[in-house]
Amino acid sequence: MHKIRREDRTIIADDAFEILKNAEFGILSTVDKENQPYGVPLSFCVYNKNIYFHCAKEGYKINNLDSNSKVSFCVVGNTKILPDQFSTNYESTIVFGRAEEVFDDEKYKALEQLIFKYSKDFFEEGVKYINASKENTKVYKISIEFISGKARK
């Protein structure tokens, strides 16, 4: 994979994974058939060391994934602007991997994990919501092939 230019800001993979798990949202980057890049923010969860997200049954993102499963996924953790230093303290993680649609029990477990991450105080209501809408929802898994992180603290 790519070498990080600022090696002094590199963090270990375990720390990068923690930033990934704790992030509120991420940016999924795909490429369409004409090699046009496309980045889209989305909600996600980490489950069994994979990234999961849900989406509608059709759209640009899905078209891209159908033609090329290679993806990049980026999250930014804690940040603090340092105006007097013309800089920022930050932490971030980038993942490279492949996305594939999941089904049945894996799909259901991923949807439960999304409810737990974003609405754990409403888990029972969330399970009812999953059961009512799961047929109109796709779930994708990003299998992580490479993860890297950077931080300035």
Protein backbone atom coordinates (compact mmCIF):
# COMPACT_ATOMS: atom_id res chain seq x y z
CA MET A 1 0.00 0.00 0.00
CA HIS A 2 0.91 3.65 0.04
CA LYS A 3 3.67 4.85 2.30
CA ILE A 4 2.62 7.56 4.74
CA ARG A 5 4.61 10.70 4.02
CA ARG A 6 4.68 11.90 7.63
CA GLU A 7 5.97 8.72 9.25
CA ASP A 8 6.28 10.58 12.56
CA ARG A 9 2.47 10.77 12.64
CA THR A 10 1.89 7.09 11.91
CA ILE A 11 0.00 5.15 14.57
CA ILE A 12 -0.07 1.39 15.09
CA ALA A 13 -2.78 -0.67 13.42
CA ASP A 14 -4.53 -1.43 16.73
CA ASP A 15 -4.90 2.30 17.45
CA ALA A 16 -6.12 2.93 13.89
CA PHE A 17 -8.70 0.19 14.38
CA GLU A 18 -9.91 1.81 17.64
CA ILE A 19 -10.37 5.15 15.84
CA LEU A 20 -12.35 3.31 13.15
CA LYS A 21 -14.59 1.57 15.70
CA ASN A 22 -15.32 4.79 17.58
CA ALA A 23 -15.97 7.12 14.64
CA GLU A 24 -19.49 8.47 14.15
CA PHE A 25 -19.46 8.24 10.37
CA GLY A 26 -17.13 7.42 7.51
CA ILE A 27 -16.53 8.28 3.89
CA LEU A 28 -16.84 5.38 1.45
CA SER A 29 -14.90 5.91 -1.78
CA THR A 30 -15.69 3.94 -4.91
CA VAL A 31 -14.94 4.27 -8.62
CA ASP A 32 -17.50 4.05 -11.42
CA LYS A 33 -17.11 2.33 -14.81
CA GLU A 34 -15.52 5.47 -16.28
CA ASN A 35 -12.97 5.62 -13.40
CA GLN A 36 -14.74 8.62 -11.88
CA PRO A 37 -14.16 8.61 -8.11
CA TYR A 38 -17.12 8.93 -5.78
CA GLY A 39 -17.00 9.51 -2.03
CA VAL A 40 -20.13 9.34 0.10
CA PRO A 41 -20.54 9.82 3.86
CA LEU A 42 -22.38 7.06 5.65
CA SER A 43 -23.21 5.47 8.98
CA PHE A 44 -21.42 2.20 9.68
CA CYS A 45 -20.44 -0.28 12.33
CA VAL A 46 -17.49 -2.57 12.92
CA TYR A 47 -18.42 -6.16 13.62
CA ASN A 48 -16.15 -9.23 13.55
CA LYS A 49 -13.30 -6.98 12.32
CA ASN A 50 -15.26 -5.95 9.21
CA ILE A 51 -17.06 -2.71 8.35
CA TYR A 52 -20.81 -2.91 7.67
CA PHE A 53 -23.17 -0.33 6.23
CA HIS A 54 -26.74 -0.35 4.99
CA CYS A 55 -28.27 1.41 2.03
CA ALA A 56 -31.20 1.48 -0.37
CA LYS A 57 -31.58 -1.24 -2.96
CA GLU A 58 -30.36 0.92 -5.84
CA GLY A 59 -28.20 3.93 -6.51
CA TYR A 60 -24.87 5.22 -7.76
CA LYS A 61 -22.88 3.66 -4.90
CA ILE A 62 -24.39 0.24 -5.61
CA ASN A 63 -23.73 0.55 -9.33
CA ASN A 64 -20.09 1.30 -8.55
CA LEU A 65 -19.77 -1.63 -6.14
CA ASP A 66 -21.35 -3.96 -8.69
CA SER A 67 -18.67 -3.06 -11.25
CA ASN A 68 -15.69 -2.74 -8.86
CA SER A 69 -15.68 -4.06 -5.31
CA LYS A 70 -12.44 -2.29 -4.35
CA VAL A 71 -13.09 0.51 -1.87
CA SER A 72 -11.43 2.94 0.45
CA PHE A 73 -13.05 3.96 3.73
CA CYS A 74 -11.90 6.93 5.79
CA VAL A 75 -12.82 8.17 9.25
CA VAL A 76 -11.70 11.14 11.32
CA GLY A 77 -11.68 10.86 15.10
CA ASN A 78 -11.01 13.66 17.56
CA THR A 79 -9.87 16.99 16.16
CA LYS A 80 -8.87 20.33 17.61
CA ILE A 81 -8.00 23.36 15.51
CA LEU A 82 -4.86 25.16 16.67
CA PRO A 83 -5.31 28.61 15.09
CA ASP A 84 -2.18 30.13 16.61
CA GLN A 85 -0.11 27.28 15.11
CA PHE A 86 -1.92 27.20 11.75
CA SER A 87 -2.47 23.51 12.36
CA THR A 88 -4.83 20.89 13.76
CA ASN A 89 -4.56 18.05 16.23
CA TYR A 90 -6.32 15.06 14.70
CA GLU A 91 -6.59 11.32 14.40
CA SER A 92 -7.69 9.47 11.29
CA THR A 93 -7.87 6.02 9.79
CA ILE A 94 -7.97 4.85 6.19
CA VAL A 95 -8.99 1.34 5.18
CA PHE A 96 -8.56 -0.39 1.85
CA GLY A 97 -10.69 -3.42 1.15
CA ARG A 98 -13.44 -5.04 -0.84
CA ALA A 99 -17.17 -4.58 -0.38
CA GLU A 100 -19.72 -7.30 -0.88
CA GLU A 101 -23.42 -7.56 -0.15
CA VAL A 102 -24.32 -9.83 2.77
CA PHE A 103 -27.51 -11.77 3.39
CA ASP A 104 -29.53 -13.71 5.93
CA ASP A 105 -28.05 -13.99 9.44
CA GLU A 106 -25.00 -11.86 8.66
CA LYS A 107 -27.23 -9.08 7.29
CA TYR A 108 -29.50 -9.23 10.34
CA LYS A 109 -26.56 -9.20 12.79
CA ALA A 110 -25.03 -6.20 11.01
CA LEU A 111 -28.33 -4.30 11.21
CA GLU A 112 -28.53 -5.11 14.92
CA GLN A 113 -24.98 -3.81 15.38
CA LEU A 114 -25.94 -0.57 13.62
CA ILE A 115 -28.91 -0.16 15.98
CA PHE A 116 -26.67 -0.90 18.96
CA LYS A 117 -24.09 1.68 17.83
CA TYR A 118 -26.46 4.53 17.02
CA SER A 119 -29.62 3.83 19.06
CA LYS A 120 -28.76 1.41 21.85
CA ASP A 121 -31.29 3.01 24.21
CA PHE A 122 -33.97 2.10 21.68
CA PHE A 123 -32.72 -1.37 20.79
CA GLU A 124 -36.08 -3.17 21.05
CA GLU A 125 -37.76 -0.56 18.86
CA GLY A 126 -34.80 -0.84 16.48
CA VAL A 127 -35.24 -4.59 16.14
CA LYS A 128 -38.90 -4.01 15.22
CA TYR A 129 -37.75 -1.45 12.66
CA ILE A 130 -35.23 -3.93 11.21
CA ASN A 131 -37.90 -6.61 10.88
CA ALA A 132 -40.27 -4.20 9.13
CA SER A 133 -37.73 -2.77 6.68
CA LYS A 134 -35.02 -5.39 6.09
CA GLU A 135 -36.46 -6.45 2.73
CA ASN A 136 -36.03 -2.89 1.42
CA THR A 137 -32.46 -2.59 2.66
CA LYS A 138 -29.12 -3.85 1.39
CA VAL A 139 -26.21 -4.45 3.75
CA TYR A 140 -22.59 -4.49 2.63
CA LYS A 141 -19.49 -5.77 4.36
CA ILE A 142 -16.08 -4.24 3.74
CA SER A 143 -13.42 -6.85 4.32
CA ILE A 144 -10.39 -4.95 5.54
CA GLU A 145 -7.26 -5.73 3.53
CA PHE A 146 -5.12 -2.85 4.83
CA ILE A 147 -5.56 -0.30 7.58
CA SER A 148 -3.41 2.70 8.46
CA GLY A 149 -3.75 5.65 10.77
CA LYS A 150 -2.24 9.00 11.51
CA ALA A 151 -2.45 11.33 14.45
CA ARG A 152 -1.11 14.66 15.65
CA LYS A 153 -1.80 15.19 19.33
